């Protein structure tokens, strides 16, 4: 499976993009990717007012002929998804 992350927002407002093969991820993160194919994992979603500097995450998972997209604002990110997003963010580069 191919996994693409687009992280936008933050203070700079710069879109960051990373694309990886799920086979290159650690086993626990591969499991999260598989779960995201069928479940929209969400955290509590509590956000203080004026969170304009928060990040937004768009995750696209290509599996065979299908593509699944998941989207979260920073406070909605489920604790199980955070390590995956952190790993992808470390590999991300500015969008062109």
PDB file of N, CA and C in Angstrom:
ATOM      1  N   UNK A   1       0.844  -1.183   0.000  1.00  0.00           N
ATOM      2  CA  UNK A   1       0.000   0.000   0.000  1.00  0.00           C
ATOM      3  C   UNK A   1       0.880   1.234   0.000  1.00  0.00           C
ATOM      4  N   UNK A   2       0.429   2.236  -0.701  1.00  0.00           N
ATOM      5  CA  UNK A   2       1.137   3.501  -0.699  1.00  0.00           C
ATOM      6  C   UNK A   2       0.389   4.471   0.209  1.00  0.00           C
ATOM      7  N   UNK A   3       1.145   5.169   1.046  1.00  0.00           N
ATOM      8  CA  UNK A   3       0.569   6.094   2.014  1.00  0.00           C
ATOM      9  C   UNK A   3       1.132   7.484   1.738  1.00  0.00           C
ATOM     10  N   UNK A   4       0.223   8.446   1.591  1.00  0.00           N
ATOM     11  CA  UNK A   4       0.628   9.830   1.342  1.00  0.00           C
ATOM     12  C   UNK A   4       0.047  10.716   2.435  1.00  0.00           C
ATOM     13  N   UNK A   5       0.901  11.540   3.017  1.00  0.00           N
ATOM     14  CA  UNK A   5       0.480  12.504   4.028  1.00  0.00           C
ATOM     15  C   UNK A   5       0.657  13.905   3.487  1.00  0.00           C
ATOM     16  N   UNK A   6      -0.355  14.741   3.671  1.00  0.00           N
ATOM     17  CA  UNK A   6      -0.229  16.177   3.447  1.00  0.00           C
ATOM     18  C   UNK A   6      -0.579  16.841   4.767  1.00  0.00           C
ATOM     19  N   UNK A   7       0.416  17.500   5.355  1.00  0.00           N
ATOM     20  CA  UNK A   7       0.193  18.237   6.599  1.00  0.00           C
ATOM     21  C   UNK A   7       0.180  19.714   6.247  1.00  0.00           C
ATOM     22  N   UNK A   8      -0.893  20.392   6.636  1.00  0.00           N
ATOM     23  CA  UNK A   8      -0.993  21.814   6.347  1.00  0.00           C
ATOM     24  C   UNK A   8      -1.284  22.578   7.630  1.00  0.00           C
ATOM     25  N   UNK A   9      -1.173  23.895   7.538  1.00  0.00           N
ATOM     26  CA  UNK A   9      -1.439  24.733   8.699  1.00  0.00           C
ATOM     27  C   UNK A   9      -0.182  25.035   9.482  1.00  0.00           C
ATOM     28  N   UNK A  10      -0.350  25.260  10.749  1.00  0.00           N
ATOM     29  CA  UNK A  10       0.778  25.649  11.582  1.00  0.00           C
ATOM     30  C   UNK A  10       1.071  27.131  11.423  1.00  0.00           C
ATOM     31  N   UNK A  11       2.074  27.600  12.124  1.00  0.00           N
ATOM     32  CA  UNK A  11       2.409  29.019  12.086  1.00  0.00           C
ATOM     33  C   UNK A  11       2.836  29.474  10.704  1.00  0.00           C
ATOM     34  N   UNK A  12       3.605  28.632   9.987  1.00  0.00           N
ATOM     35  CA  UNK A  12       4.102  29.016   8.663  1.00  0.00           C
ATOM     36  C   UNK A  12       3.060  28.793   7.573  1.00  0.00           C
ATOM     37  N   UNK A  13       2.078  27.946   7.822  1.00  0.00           N
ATOM     38  CA  UNK A  13       1.054  27.669   6.830  1.00  0.00           C
ATOM     39  C   UNK A  13       1.586  26.934   5.615  1.00  0.00           C
ATOM     40  N   UNK A  14       2.701  26.239   5.767  1.00  0.00           N
ATOM     41  CA  UNK A  14       3.355  25.534   4.668  1.00  0.00           C
ATOM     42  C   UNK A  14       2.865  24.096   4.590  1.00  0.00           C
ATOM     43  N   UNK A  15       2.457  23.669   3.388  1.00  0.00           N
ATOM     44  CA  UNK A  15       2.052  22.276   3.196  1.00  0.00           C
ATOM     45  C   UNK A  15       3.299  21.399   3.100  1.00  0.00           C
ATOM     46  N   UNK A  16       3.290  20.308   3.864  1.00  0.00           N
ATOM     47  CA  UNK A  16       4.379  19.341   3.850  1.00  0.00           C
ATOM     48  C   UNK A  16       3.812  18.018   3.348  1.00  0.00           C
ATOM     49  N   UNK A  17       4.561  17.323   2.478  1.00  0.00           N
ATOM     50  CA  UNK A  17       4.073  16.103   1.846  1.00  0.00           C
ATOM     51  C   UNK A  17       5.098  14.982   2.005  1.00  0.00           C
ATOM     52  N   UNK A  18       4.593  13.785   2.322  1.00  0.00           N
ATOM     53  CA  UNK A  18       5.429  12.581   2.383  1.00  0.00           C
ATOM     54  C   UNK A  18       4.651  11.440   1.751  1.00  0.00           C
ATOM     55  N   UNK A  19       5.350  10.613   0.980  1.00  0.00           N
ATOM     56  CA  UNK A  19       4.755   9.425   0.387  1.00  0.00           C
ATOM     57  C   UNK A  19       5.673   8.249   0.668  1.00  0.00           C
ATOM     58  N   UNK A  20       5.112   7.166   1.240  1.00  0.00           N
ATOM     59  CA  UNK A  20       5.895   5.975   1.572  1.00  0.00           C
ATOM     60  C   UNK A  20       5.116   4.718   1.206  1.00  0.00           C
ATOM     61  N   UNK A  21       5.844   3.641   1.068  1.00  0.00           N
ATOM     62  CA  UNK A  21       5.223   2.327   0.927  1.00  0.00           C
ATOM     63  C   UNK A  21       4.992   1.824   2.345  1.00  0.00           C
ATOM     64  N   UNK A  22       3.812   1.330   2.628  1.00  0.00           N
ATOM     65  CA  UNK A  22       3.512   0.886   3.995  1.00  0.00           C
ATOM     66  C   UNK A  22       4.447  -0.231   4.452  1.00  0.00           C
ATOM     67  N   UNK A  23       5.018  -0.989   3.518  1.00  0.00           N
ATOM     68  CA  UNK A  23       5.954  -2.058   3.877  1.00  0.00           C
ATOM     69  C   UNK A  23       7.225  -1.509   4.514  1.00  0.00           C
ATOM     70  N   UNK A  24       7.510  -0.217   4.289  1.00  0.00           N
ATOM     71  CA  UNK A  24       8.693   0.415   4.868  1.00  0.00           C
ATOM     72  C   UNK A  24       8.442   0.964   6.268  1.00  0.00           C
ATOM     73  N   UNK A  25       7.224   0.850   6.755  1.00  0.00           N
ATOM     74  CA  UNK A  25       6.868   1.332   8.090  1.00  0.00           C
ATOM     75  C   UNK A  25       7.036   0.223   9.118  1.00  0.00           C
ATOM     76  N   UNK A  26       7.257   0.591  10.391  1.00  0.00           N
ATOM     77  CA  UNK A  26       7.288  -0.423  11.448  1.00  0.00           C
ATOM     78  C   UNK A  26       5.955  -1.167  11.523  1.00  0.00           C
ATOM     79  N   UNK A  27       5.980  -2.369  12.038  1.00  0.00           N
ATOM     80  CA  UNK A  27       4.796  -3.244  12.081  1.00  0.00           C
ATOM     81  C   UNK A  27       3.594  -2.577  12.754  1.00  0.00           C
ATOM     82  N   UNK A  28       3.815  -1.860  13.864  1.00  0.00           N
ATOM     83  CA  UNK A  28       2.682  -1.241  14.561  1.00  0.00           C
ATOM     84  C   UNK A  28       2.032  -0.153  13.704  1.00  0.00           C
ATOM     85  N   UNK A  29       2.827   0.572  12.929  1.00  0.00           N
ATOM     86  CA  UNK A  29       2.277   1.599  12.061  1.00  0.00           C
ATOM     87  C   UNK A  29       1.602   0.985  10.833  1.00  0.00           C
ATOM     88  N   UNK A  30       2.107  -0.151  10.363  1.00  0.00           N
ATOM     89  CA  UNK A  30       1.441  -0.876   9.278  1.00  0.00           C
ATOM     90  C   UNK A  30       0.039  -1.298   9.711  1.00  0.00           C
ATOM     91  N   UNK A  31      -0.087  -1.720  10.976  1.00  0.00           N
ATOM     92  CA  UNK A  31      -1.397  -2.111  11.510  1.00  0.00           C
ATOM     93  C   UNK A  31      -2.359  -0.922  11.531  1.00  0.00           C
ATOM     94  N   UNK A  32      -1.842   0.265  11.891  1.00  0.00           N
ATOM     95  CA  UNK A  32      -2.683   1.462  11.915  1.00  0.00           C
ATOM     96  C   UNK A  32      -3.156   1.781  10.501  1.00  0.00           C
ATOM     97  N   UNK A  33      -2.260   1.684   9.525  1.00  0.00           N
ATOM     98  CA  UNK A  33      -2.637   1.934   8.133  1.00  0.00           C
ATOM     99  C   UNK A  33      -3.740   0.966   7.711  1.00  0.00           C
ATOM    100  N   UNK A  34      -3.583  -0.301   8.041  1.00  0.00           N
ATOM    101  CA  UNK A  34      -4.614  -1.301   7.701  1.00  0.00           C
ATOM    102  C   UNK A  34      -5.944  -0.982   8.370  1.00  0.00           C
ATOM    103  N   UNK A  35      -5.893  -0.568   9.626  1.00  0.00           N
ATOM    104  CA  UNK A  35      -7.119  -0.201  10.343  1.00  0.00           C
ATOM    105  C   UNK A  35      -7.799   0.997   9.691  1.00  0.00           C
ATOM    106  N   UNK A  36      -7.003   1.959   9.224  1.00  0.00           N
ATOM    107  CA  UNK A  36      -7.564   3.161   8.612  1.00  0.00           C
ATOM    108  C   UNK A  36      -8.267   2.876   7.285  1.00  0.00           C
ATOM    109  N   UNK A  37      -8.004   1.719   6.702  1.00  0.00           N
ATOM    110  CA  UNK A  37      -8.721   1.351   5.479  1.00  0.00           C
ATOM    111  C   UNK A  37     -10.214   1.185   5.740  1.00  0.00           C
ATOM    112  N   UNK A  38     -10.563   0.762   6.962  1.00  0.00           N
ATOM    113  CA  UNK A  38     -11.971   0.489   7.270  1.00  0.00           C
ATOM    114  C   UNK A  38     -12.532   1.344   8.407  1.00  0.00           C
ATOM    115  N   UNK A  39     -11.677   1.985   9.187  1.00  0.00           N
ATOM    116  CA  UNK A  39     -12.133   2.780  10.329  1.00  0.00           C
ATOM    117  C   UNK A  39     -11.570   4.192  10.259  1.00  0.00           C
ATOM    118  N   UNK A  40     -12.376   5.155  10.620  1.00  0.00           N
ATOM    119  CA  UNK A  40     -11.936   6.552  10.681  1.00  0.00           C
ATOM    120  C   UNK A  40     -11.586   6.865  12.133  1.00  0.00           C
ATOM    121  N   UNK A  41     -10.391   6.498  12.542  1.00  0.00           N
ATOM    122  CA  UNK A  41      -9.966   6.694  13.929  1.00  0.00           C
ATOM    123  C   UNK A  41      -9.929   8.181  14.258  1.00  0.00           C
ATOM    124  N   UNK A  42     -10.618   8.555  15.321  1.00  0.00           N
ATOM    125  CA  UNK A  42     -10.659   9.949  15.754  1.00  0.00           C
ATOM    126  C   UNK A  42     -10.454  10.039  17.254  1.00  0.00           C
ATOM    127  N   UNK A  43      -9.784  11.099  17.654  1.00  0.00           N
ATOM    128  CA  UNK A  43      -9.599  11.379  19.066  1.00  0.00           C
ATOM    129  C   UNK A  43     -10.760  12.203  19.581  1.00  0.00           C
ATOM    130  N   UNK A  44     -10.595  12.826  20.744  1.00  0.00           N
ATOM    131  CA  UNK A  44     -11.696  13.549  21.386  1.00  0.00           C
ATOM    132  C   UNK A  44     -12.162  14.786  20.629  1.00  0.00           C
ATOM    133  N   UNK A  45     -11.272  15.417  19.854  1.00  0.00           N
ATOM    134  CA  UNK A  45     -11.680  16.571  19.056  1.00  0.00           C
ATOM    135  C   UNK A  45     -11.917  17.840  19.829  1.00  0.00           C
ATOM    136  N   UNK A  46     -11.388  17.959  21.034  1.00  0.00           N
ATOM    137  CA  UNK A  46     -11.564  19.171  21.824  1.00  0.00           C
ATOM    138  C   UNK A  46     -10.502  20.174  21.403  1.00  0.00           C
ATOM    139  N   UNK A  47     -10.940  21.348  21.000  1.00  0.00           N
ATOM    140  CA  UNK A  47     -10.013  22.363  20.505  1.00  0.00           C
ATOM    141  C   UNK A  47     -10.316  23.709  21.153  1.00  0.00           C
ATOM    142  N   UNK A  48      -9.272  24.387  21.621  1.00  0.00           N
ATOM    143  CA  UNK A  48      -9.511  25.731  22.142  1.00  0.00           C
ATOM    144  C   UNK A  48      -9.887  26.670  20.993  1.00  0.00           C
ATOM    145  N   UNK A  49     -10.632  27.723  21.305  1.00  0.00           N
ATOM    146  CA  UNK A  49     -10.995  28.712  20.284  1.00  0.00           C
ATOM    147  C   UNK A  49      -9.732  29.367  19.749  1.00  0.00           C
ATOM    148  N   UNK A  50      -9.759  29.719  18.469  1.00  0.00           N
ATOM    149  CA  UNK A  50      -8.621  30.425  17.884  1.00  0.00           C
ATOM    150  C   UNK A  50      -7.448  29.520  17.600  1.00  0.00           C
ATOM    151  N   UNK A  51      -7.670  28.273  17.239  1.00  0.00           N
ATOM    152  CA  UNK A  51      -6.582  27.344  16.965  1.00  0.00           C
ATOM    153  C   UNK A  51      -6.077  27.434  15.544  1.00  0.00           C
ATOM    154  N   UNK A  52      -5.877  28.655  15.050  1.00  0.00           N
ATOM    155  CA  UNK A  52      -5.483  28.846  13.653  1.00  0.00           C
ATOM    156  C   UNK A  52      -4.095  28.277  13.363  1.00  0.00           C
ATOM    157  N   UNK A  53      -3.272  28.111  14.384  1.00  0.00           N
ATOM    158  CA  UNK A  53      -1.915  27.610  14.150  1.00  0.00           C
ATOM    159  C   UNK A  53      -1.834  26.087  14.279  1.00  0.00           C
ATOM    160  N   UNK A  54      -2.959  25.424  14.374  1.00  0.00           N
ATOM    161  CA  UNK A  54      -2.970  23.967  14.480  1.00  0.00           C
ATOM    162  C   UNK A  54      -2.761  23.338  13.109  1.00  0.00           C
ATOM    163  N   UNK A  55      -2.287  22.091  13.121  1.00  0.00           N
ATOM    164  CA  UNK A  55      -2.072  21.373  11.885  1.00  0.00           C
ATOM    165  C   UNK A  55      -3.332  20.637  11.444  1.00  0.00           C
ATOM    166  N   UNK A  56      -3.418  20.437  10.155  1.00  0.00           N
ATOM    167  CA  UNK A  56      -4.447  19.629   9.531  1.00  0.00           C
ATOM    168  C   UNK A  56      -3.724  18.515   8.784  1.00  0.00           C
ATOM    169  N   UNK A  57      -4.245  17.295   8.876  1.00  0.00           N
ATOM    170  CA  UNK A  57      -3.602  16.137   8.255  1.00  0.00           C
ATOM    171  C   UNK A  57      -4.552  15.474   7.262  1.00  0.00           C
ATOM    172  N   UNK A  58      -4.077  15.265   6.047  1.00  0.00           N
ATOM    173  CA  UNK A  58      -4.810  14.527   5.020  1.00  0.00           C
ATOM    174  C   UNK A  58      -3.978  13.282   4.721  1.00  0.00           C
ATOM    175  N   UNK A  59      -4.535  12.113   4.975  1.00  0.00           N
ATOM    176  CA  UNK A  59      -3.841  10.853   4.733  1.00  0.00           C
ATOM    177  C   UNK A  59      -4.561  10.122   3.602  1.00  0.00           C
ATOM    178  N   UNK A  60      -3.793   9.724   2.615  1.00  0.00           N
ATOM    179  CA  UNK A  60      -4.342   9.003   1.470  1.00  0.00           C
ATOM    180  C   UNK A  60      -3.663   7.631   1.416  1.00  0.00           C
ATOM    181  N   UNK A  61      -4.476   6.577   1.412  1.00  0.00           N
ATOM    182  CA  UNK A  61      -3.954   5.213   1.388  1.00  0.00           C
ATOM    183  C   UNK A  61      -4.433   4.550   0.104  1.00  0.00           C
ATOM    184  N   UNK A  62      -3.479   4.165  -0.729  1.00  0.00           N
ATOM    185  CA  UNK A  62      -3.816   3.472  -1.985  1.00  0.00           C
ATOM    186  C   UNK A  62      -3.577   1.986  -1.778  1.00  0.00           C
ATOM    187  N   UNK A  63      -4.641   1.242  -1.968  1.00  0.00           N
ATOM    188  CA  UNK A  63      -4.607  -0.207  -1.767  1.00  0.00           C
ATOM    189  C   UNK A  63      -5.252  -0.863  -2.975  1.00  0.00           C
ATOM    190  N   UNK A  64      -4.420  -1.455  -3.840  1.00  0.00           N
ATOM    191  CA  UNK A  64      -4.958  -2.031  -5.065  1.00  0.00           C
ATOM    192  C   UNK A  64      -5.560  -0.945  -5.927  1.00  0.00           C
ATOM    193  N   UNK A  65      -6.806  -1.129  -6.330  1.00  0.00           N
ATOM    194  CA  UNK A  65      -7.487  -0.153  -7.180  1.00  0.00           C
ATOM    195  C   UNK A  65      -8.265   0.889  -6.390  1.00  0.00           C
ATOM    196  N   UNK A  66      -8.212   0.811  -5.069  1.00  0.00           N
ATOM    197  CA  UNK A  66      -8.994   1.754  -4.270  1.00  0.00           C
ATOM    198  C   UNK A  66      -8.097   2.723  -3.504  1.00  0.00           C
ATOM    199  N   UNK A  67      -8.674   3.865  -3.179  1.00  0.00           N
ATOM    200  CA  UNK A  67      -7.987   4.891  -2.401  1.00  0.00           C
ATOM    201  C   UNK A  67      -8.900   5.317  -1.261  1.00  0.00           C
ATOM    202  N   UNK A  68      -8.345   5.323  -0.059  1.00  0.00           N
ATOM    203  CA  UNK A  68      -9.081   5.766   1.127  1.00  0.00           C
ATOM    204  C   UNK A  68      -8.421   7.046   1.624  1.00  0.00           C
ATOM    205  N   UNK A  69      -9.244   8.040   1.917  1.00  0.00           N
ATOM    206  CA  UNK A  69      -8.730   9.309   2.438  1.00  0.00           C
ATOM    207  C   UNK A  69      -9.270   9.543   3.845  1.00  0.00           C
ATOM    208  N   UNK A  70      -8.382   9.959   4.698  1.00  0.00           N
ATOM    209  CA  UNK A  70      -8.753  10.327   6.074  1.00  0.00           C
ATOM    210  C   UNK A  70      -8.238  11.739   6.326  1.00  0.00           C
ATOM    211  N   UNK A  71      -9.011  12.516   7.068  1.00  0.00           N
ATOM    212  CA  UNK A  71      -8.637  13.899   7.351  1.00  0.00           C
ATOM    213  C   UNK A  71      -8.896  14.203   8.823  1.00  0.00           C
ATOM    214  N   UNK A  72      -7.927  14.859   9.446  1.00  0.00           N
ATOM    215  CA  UNK A  72      -8.057  15.252  10.850  1.00  0.00           C
ATOM    216  C   UNK A  72      -7.530  16.659  11.046  1.00  0.00           C
ATOM    217  N   UNK A  73      -8.165  17.384  11.953  1.00  0.00           N
ATOM    218  CA  UNK A  73      -7.573  18.595  12.514  1.00  0.00           C
ATOM    219  C   UNK A  73      -6.778  18.128  13.732  1.00  0.00           C
ATOM    220  N   UNK A  74      -5.823  18.891  14.163  1.00  0.00           N
ATOM    221  CA  UNK A  74      -4.919  18.477  15.245  1.00  0.00           C
ATOM    222  C   UNK A  74      -5.628  17.836  16.451  1.00  0.00           C
ATOM    223  N   UNK A  75      -6.667  18.450  17.000  1.00  0.00           N
ATOM    224  CA  UNK A  75      -7.261  17.849  18.204  1.00  0.00           C
ATOM    225  C   UNK A  75      -8.035  16.555  17.938  1.00  0.00           C
ATOM    226  N   UNK A  76      -8.314  16.234  16.677  1.00  0.00           N
ATOM    227  CA  UNK A  76      -9.085  15.032  16.349  1.00  0.00           C
ATOM    228  C   UNK A  76      -8.222  13.792  16.161  1.00  0.00           C
ATOM    229  N   UNK A  77      -6.904  13.970  16.147  1.00  0.00           N
ATOM    230  CA  UNK A  77      -6.012  12.845  15.858  1.00  0.00           C
ATOM    231  C   UNK A  77      -6.049  11.844  17.009  1.00  0.00           C
ATOM    232  N   UNK A  78      -6.411  10.626  16.699  1.00  0.00           N
ATOM    233  CA  UNK A  78      -6.483   9.545  17.682  1.00  0.00           C
ATOM    234  C   UNK A  78      -5.063   9.175  18.136  1.00  0.00           C
ATOM    235  N   UNK A  79      -4.919   8.798  19.397  1.00  0.00           N
ATOM    236  CA  UNK A  79      -3.594   8.454  19.942  1.00  0.00           C
ATOM    237  C   UNK A  79      -2.916   7.320  19.169  1.00  0.00           C
ATOM    238  N   UNK A  80      -3.688   6.416  18.572  1.00  0.00           N
ATOM    239  CA  UNK A  80      -3.105   5.326  17.789  1.00  0.00           C
ATOM    240  C   UNK A  80      -2.521   5.826  16.465  1.00  0.00           C
ATOM    241  N   UNK A  81      -3.024   6.943  15.963  1.00  0.00           N
ATOM    242  CA  UNK A  81      -2.591   7.474  14.671  1.00  0.00           C
ATOM    243  C   UNK A  81      -1.388   8.399  14.820  1.00  0.00           C
ATOM    244  N   UNK A  82      -1.215   9.009  15.990  1.00  0.00           N
ATOM    245  CA  UNK A  82      -0.143   9.998  16.190  1.00  0.00           C
ATOM    246  C   UNK A  82       1.256   9.498  15.823  1.00  0.00           C
ATOM    247  N   UNK A  83       1.680   8.286  16.225  1.00  0.00           N
ATOM    248  CA  UNK A  83       3.025   7.834  15.833  1.00  0.00           C
ATOM    249  C   UNK A  83       3.203   7.726  14.317  1.00  0.00           C
ATOM    250  N   UNK A  84       2.162   7.300  13.618  1.00  0.00           N
ATOM    251  CA  UNK A  84       2.220   7.213  12.156  1.00  0.00           C
ATOM    252  C   UNK A  84       2.390   8.603  11.553  1.00  0.00           C
ATOM    253  N   UNK A  85       1.574   9.552  11.995  1.00  0.00           N
ATOM    254  CA  UNK A  85       1.674  10.907  11.470  1.00  0.00           C
ATOM    255  C   UNK A  85       3.019  11.533  11.801  1.00  0.00           C
ATOM    256  N   UNK A  86       3.545  11.265  12.985  1.00  0.00           N
ATOM    257  CA  UNK A  86       4.853  11.798  13.368  1.00  0.00           C
ATOM    258  C   UNK A  86       5.959  11.233  12.476  1.00  0.00           C
ATOM    259  N   UNK A  87       5.908   9.925  12.204  1.00  0.00           N
ATOM    260  CA  UNK A  87       6.924   9.298  11.347  1.00  0.00           C
ATOM    261  C   UNK A  87       6.860   9.857   9.927  1.00  0.00           C
ATOM    262  N   UNK A  88       5.655  10.013   9.405  1.00  0.00           N
ATOM    263  CA  UNK A  88       5.506  10.559   8.056  1.00  0.00           C
ATOM    264  C   UNK A  88       5.925  12.024   8.009  1.00  0.00           C
ATOM    265  N   UNK A  89       5.624  12.777   9.044  1.00  0.00           N
ATOM    266  CA  UNK A  89       6.002  14.190   9.093  1.00  0.00           C
ATOM    267  C   UNK A  89       7.520  14.344   9.075  1.00  0.00           C
ATOM    268  N   UNK A  90       8.234  13.429   9.732  1.00  0.00           N
ATOM    269  CA  UNK A  90       9.714  13.504   9.713  1.00  0.00           C
ATOM    270  C   UNK A  90      10.254  13.309   8.305  1.00  0.00           C
ATOM    271  N   UNK A  91       9.536  12.615   7.461  1.00  0.00           N
ATOM    272  CA  UNK A  91       9.972  12.377   6.080  1.00  0.00           C
ATOM    273  C   UNK A  91       9.426  13.411   5.097  1.00  0.00           C
ATOM    274  N   UNK A  92       8.523  14.249   5.560  1.00  0.00           N
ATOM    275  CA  UNK A  92       7.824  15.186   4.681  1.00  0.00           C
ATOM    276  C   UNK A  92       8.754  16.305   4.176  1.00  0.00           C
ATOM    277  N   UNK A  93       8.420  16.754   2.980  1.00  0.00           N
ATOM    278  CA  UNK A  93       9.129  17.846   2.338  1.00  0.00           C
ATOM    279  C   UNK A  93       8.089  18.878   1.896  1.00  0.00           C
ATOM    280  N   UNK A  94       8.505  20.138   1.744  1.00  0.00           N
ATOM    281  CA  UNK A  94       7.532  21.151   1.302  1.00  0.00           C
ATOM    282  C   UNK A  94       6.893  20.781  -0.034  1.00  0.00           C
ATOM    283  N   UNK A  95       5.583  21.041  -0.137  1.00  0.00           N
ATOM    284  CA  UNK A  95       4.855  20.783  -1.387  1.00  0.00           C
ATOM    285  C   UNK A  95       5.301  21.791  -2.434  1.00  0.00           C
ATOM    286  N   UNK A  96       5.266  21.380  -3.673  1.00  0.00           N
ATOM    287  CA  UNK A  96       5.666  22.284  -4.758  1.00  0.00           C
ATOM    288  C   UNK A  96       4.476  22.955  -5.358  1.00  0.00           C
TER     289      UNK A  96
END
